[in-house]
Amino acid sequence: MRRSYLMLALAILPLALGLTFSCEKGSVDKLSGSSGNTCDTVGMKYMEDVVPILSANCYSCHGTGNTAGSGGVLLEGYANLKPYATNGYLVGNISHSPGYDPMPFGLPQMDACNINTIVDWVNNGALDN
């Protein structure tokens, strides 16, 4: 009888802790950007993959000529972006990590696919490719 209680407790414990280990359509949609497209974040390139994300989400405040009120942070152009990519500020800010300023400022966090695209690029050396 004790063994059955132990088995029941082990079966219920993940649910009690809010842990689930299944994959459902909603999870897939979140990972793929909810458009049904897959999110491939392997081998990301600066010009092809990173610049479009930065252009859409960052350059309005951190682009050439637009840095007033943005702490003087300029992200447009590889030479300007590279230091922020290598010191962790870029990924820390866009992933809303504790101790960083959540970016884009005053807007919702970018979707996981965009963040993971930048993370992959940074993790692979933040190359000018």
C-alpha atoms as a PDB file:
ATOM      1  CA  MET A   1       0.000   0.000   0.000  1.00  0.00           C
ATOM      2  CA  ARG A   2       2.820   2.435   0.786  1.00  0.00           C
ATOM      3  CA  ARG A   3       4.312   1.772  -2.613  1.00  0.00           C
ATOM      4  CA  SER A   4       1.072   2.846  -4.334  1.00  0.00           C
ATOM      5  CA  TYR A   5       1.072   6.133  -2.389  1.00  0.00           C
ATOM      6  CA  LEU A   6       4.676   6.730  -3.398  1.00  0.00           C
ATOM      7  CA  MET A   7       3.891   6.026  -7.053  1.00  0.00           C
ATOM      8  CA  LEU A   8       0.898   8.362  -6.903  1.00  0.00           C
ATOM      9  CA  ALA A   9       2.983  11.100  -5.266  1.00  0.00           C
ATOM     10  CA  LEU A  10       5.679  10.776  -7.923  1.00  0.00           C
ATOM     11  CA  ALA A  11       3.053  10.977 -10.648  1.00  0.00           C
ATOM     12  CA  ILE A  12       1.388  14.064  -9.164  1.00  0.00           C
ATOM     13  CA  LEU A  13       4.539  15.938  -8.087  1.00  0.00           C
ATOM     14  CA  PRO A  14       5.361  17.461 -11.504  1.00  0.00           C
ATOM     15  CA  LEU A  15       1.789  18.696 -11.851  1.00  0.00           C
ATOM     16  CA  ALA A  16       1.791  20.124  -8.335  1.00  0.00           C
ATOM     17  CA  LEU A  17       4.975  22.013  -9.106  1.00  0.00           C
ATOM     18  CA  GLY A  18       3.510  23.337 -12.336  1.00  0.00           C
ATOM     19  CA  LEU A  19       5.864  21.291 -14.470  1.00  0.00           C
ATOM     20  CA  THR A  20       4.650  19.820 -17.700  1.00  0.00           C
ATOM     21  CA  PHE A  21       6.669  17.786 -20.105  1.00  0.00           C
ATOM     22  CA  SER A  22       4.365  17.578 -23.066  1.00  0.00           C
ATOM     23  CA  CYS A  23       4.445  19.481 -26.296  1.00  0.00           C
ATOM     24  CA  GLU A  24       1.217  20.820 -27.605  1.00  0.00           C
ATOM     25  CA  LYS A  25       0.161  22.915 -30.587  1.00  0.00           C
ATOM     26  CA  GLY A  26       0.225  26.102 -28.472  1.00  0.00           C
ATOM     27  CA  SER A  27       3.844  25.469 -27.528  1.00  0.00           C
ATOM     28  CA  VAL A  28       4.826  24.905 -31.130  1.00  0.00           C
ATOM     29  CA  ASP A  29       3.094  28.129 -32.141  1.00  0.00           C
ATOM     30  CA  LYS A  30       4.998  30.075 -29.491  1.00  0.00           C
ATOM     31  CA  LEU A  31       8.319  28.649 -30.615  1.00  0.00           C
ATOM     32  CA  SER A  32       7.613  29.251 -34.281  1.00  0.00           C
ATOM     33  CA  GLY A  33       6.377  32.809 -33.878  1.00  0.00           C
ATOM     34  CA  SER A  34       2.699  31.689 -34.055  1.00  0.00           C
ATOM     35  CA  SER A  35       2.588  32.041 -37.836  1.00  0.00           C
ATOM     36  CA  GLY A  36       3.107  28.352 -38.423  1.00  0.00           C
ATOM     37  CA  ASN A  37       6.568  28.957 -39.853  1.00  0.00           C
ATOM     38  CA  THR A  38       9.455  27.209 -38.224  1.00  0.00           C
ATOM     39  CA  CYS A  39      12.137  29.233 -36.546  1.00  0.00           C
ATOM     40  CA  ASP A  40      15.571  28.101 -37.665  1.00  0.00           C
ATOM     41  CA  THR A  41      18.211  29.841 -35.562  1.00  0.00           C
ATOM     42  CA  VAL A  42      21.308  27.938 -36.585  1.00  0.00           C
ATOM     43  CA  GLY A  43      24.146  29.650 -38.423  1.00  0.00           C
ATOM     44  CA  MET A  44      22.685  33.140 -38.303  1.00  0.00           C
ATOM     45  CA  LYS A  45      24.417  35.855 -40.312  1.00  0.00           C
ATOM     46  CA  TYR A  46      24.780  39.549 -39.483  1.00  0.00           C
ATOM     47  CA  MET A  47      23.526  41.081 -42.746  1.00  0.00           C
ATOM     48  CA  GLU A  48      20.953  38.457 -43.657  1.00  0.00           C
ATOM     49  CA  ASP A  49      19.418  37.654 -40.268  1.00  0.00           C
ATOM     50  CA  VAL A  50      20.431  40.158 -37.571  1.00  0.00           C
ATOM     51  CA  VAL A  51      20.210  43.502 -39.397  1.00  0.00           C
ATOM     52  CA  PRO A  52      16.529  43.055 -40.386  1.00  0.00           C
ATOM     53  CA  ILE A  53      15.607  42.373 -36.746  1.00  0.00           C
ATOM     54  CA  LEU A  54      17.580  45.352 -35.477  1.00  0.00           C
ATOM     55  CA  SER A  55      16.169  47.559 -38.226  1.00  0.00           C
ATOM     56  CA  ALA A  56      12.598  46.637 -37.298  1.00  0.00           C
ATOM     57  CA  ASN A  57      13.048  46.813 -33.527  1.00  0.00           C
ATOM     58  CA  CYS A  58      16.052  48.959 -32.579  1.00  0.00           C
ATOM     59  CA  TYR A  59      17.140  51.494 -35.177  1.00  0.00           C
ATOM     60  CA  SER A  60      14.242  53.873 -34.541  1.00  0.00           C
ATOM     61  CA  CYS A  61      16.004  54.787 -31.273  1.00  0.00           C
ATOM     62  CA  HIS A  62      19.491  53.332 -31.718  1.00  0.00           C
ATOM     63  CA  GLY A  63      20.084  54.080 -35.405  1.00  0.00           C
ATOM     64  CA  THR A  64      22.276  56.651 -37.082  1.00  0.00           C
ATOM     65  CA  GLY A  65      21.076  60.101 -36.061  1.00  0.00           C
ATOM     66  CA  ASN A  66      18.426  58.727 -33.680  1.00  0.00           C
ATOM     67  CA  THR A  67      20.369  58.231 -30.457  1.00  0.00           C
ATOM     68  CA  ALA A  68      19.086  61.287 -28.565  1.00  0.00           C
ATOM     69  CA  GLY A  69      17.440  59.986 -25.411  1.00  0.00           C
ATOM     70  CA  SER A  70      18.745  56.457 -25.949  1.00  0.00           C
ATOM     71  CA  GLY A  71      21.791  56.756 -23.732  1.00  0.00           C
ATOM     72  CA  GLY A  72      23.920  57.428 -26.782  1.00  0.00           C
ATOM     73  CA  VAL A  73      23.800  53.748 -27.761  1.00  0.00           C
ATOM     74  CA  LEU A  74      24.215  53.347 -31.506  1.00  0.00           C
ATOM     75  CA  LEU A  75      23.525  49.862 -32.870  1.00  0.00           C
ATOM     76  CA  GLU A  76      23.409  50.606 -36.573  1.00  0.00           C
ATOM     77  CA  GLY A  77      26.517  49.372 -38.354  1.00  0.00           C
ATOM     78  CA  TYR A  78      28.609  46.371 -37.458  1.00  0.00           C
ATOM     79  CA  ALA A  79      31.409  48.352 -35.759  1.00  0.00           C
ATOM     80  CA  ASN A  80      28.860  50.035 -33.490  1.00  0.00           C
ATOM     81  CA  LEU A  81      26.994  46.826 -32.655  1.00  0.00           C
ATOM     82  CA  LYS A  82      29.965  44.521 -32.050  1.00  0.00           C
ATOM     83  CA  PRO A  83      30.935  45.859 -28.579  1.00  0.00           C
ATOM     84  CA  TYR A  84      27.352  45.447 -27.307  1.00  0.00           C
ATOM     85  CA  ALA A  85      27.182  41.944 -28.764  1.00  0.00           C
ATOM     86  CA  THR A  86      30.422  40.820 -27.143  1.00  0.00           C
ATOM     87  CA  ASN A  87      29.913  42.426 -23.714  1.00  0.00           C
ATOM     88  CA  GLY A  88      26.490  40.811 -23.209  1.00  0.00           C
ATOM     89  CA  TYR A  89      24.414  43.984 -23.225  1.00  0.00           C
ATOM     90  CA  LEU A  90      22.643  43.241 -26.504  1.00  0.00           C
ATOM     91  CA  VAL A  91      21.392  39.808 -25.479  1.00  0.00           C
ATOM     92  CA  GLY A  92      20.779  40.859 -21.862  1.00  0.00           C
ATOM     93  CA  ASN A  93      18.610  43.794 -22.901  1.00  0.00           C
ATOM     94  CA  ILE A  94      16.574  42.090 -25.629  1.00  0.00           C
ATOM     95  CA  SER A  95      15.956  39.004 -23.478  1.00  0.00           C
ATOM     96  CA  HIS A  96      14.853  41.201 -20.543  1.00  0.00           C
ATOM     97  CA  SER A  97      17.402  39.582 -18.239  1.00  0.00           C
ATOM     98  CA  PRO A  98      17.628  40.858 -14.640  1.00  0.00           C
ATOM     99  CA  GLY A  99      20.052  43.769 -14.317  1.00  0.00           C
ATOM    100  CA  TYR A 100      19.567  44.925 -17.922  1.00  0.00           C
ATOM    101  CA  ASP A 101      17.262  47.518 -19.445  1.00  0.00           C
ATOM    102  CA  PRO A 102      14.384  45.727 -21.207  1.00  0.00           C
ATOM    103  CA  MET A 103      14.458  46.555 -24.908  1.00  0.00           C
ATOM    104  CA  PRO A 104      12.789  47.669 -27.068  1.00  0.00           C
ATOM    105  CA  PHE A 105      12.073  50.376 -24.508  1.00  0.00           C
ATOM    106  CA  GLY A 106       8.432  50.624 -23.492  1.00  0.00           C
ATOM    107  CA  LEU A 107       7.406  47.873 -25.898  1.00  0.00           C
ATOM    108  CA  PRO A 108       6.788  44.145 -25.508  1.00  0.00           C
ATOM    109  CA  GLN A 109       9.759  41.828 -25.669  1.00  0.00           C
ATOM    110  CA  MET A 110      10.660  40.667 -29.164  1.00  0.00           C
ATOM    111  CA  ASP A 111       9.445  37.198 -30.058  1.00  0.00           C
ATOM    112  CA  ALA A 112      11.575  34.194 -29.146  1.00  0.00           C
ATOM    113  CA  CYS A 113      12.607  33.550 -32.734  1.00  0.00           C
ATOM    114  CA  ASN A 114      14.127  37.028 -33.123  1.00  0.00           C
ATOM    115  CA  ILE A 115      15.883  36.799 -29.766  1.00  0.00           C
ATOM    116  CA  ASN A 116      17.237  33.334 -30.534  1.00  0.00           C
ATOM    117  CA  THR A 117      18.448  34.507 -33.939  1.00  0.00           C
ATOM    118  CA  ILE A 118      20.549  37.207 -32.273  1.00  0.00           C
ATOM    119  CA  VAL A 119      21.688  34.833 -29.522  1.00  0.00           C
ATOM    120  CA  ASP A 120      22.904  32.314 -32.103  1.00  0.00           C
ATOM    121  CA  TRP A 121      24.781  35.010 -34.008  1.00  0.00           C
ATOM    122  CA  VAL A 122      26.433  36.249 -30.791  1.00  0.00           C
ATOM    123  CA  ASN A 123      27.248  32.730 -29.581  1.00  0.00           C
ATOM    124  CA  ASN A 124      28.970  32.011 -32.885  1.00  0.00           C
ATOM    125  CA  GLY A 125      31.327  34.966 -32.572  1.00  0.00           C
ATOM    126  CA  ALA A 126      29.157  37.892 -33.685  1.00  0.00           C
ATOM    127  CA  LEU A 127      30.822  37.822 -37.094  1.00  0.00           C
ATOM    128  CA  ASP A 128      30.491  40.498 -39.764  1.00  0.00           C
ATOM    129  CA  ASN A 129      29.003  38.089 -42.279  1.00  0.00           C
END
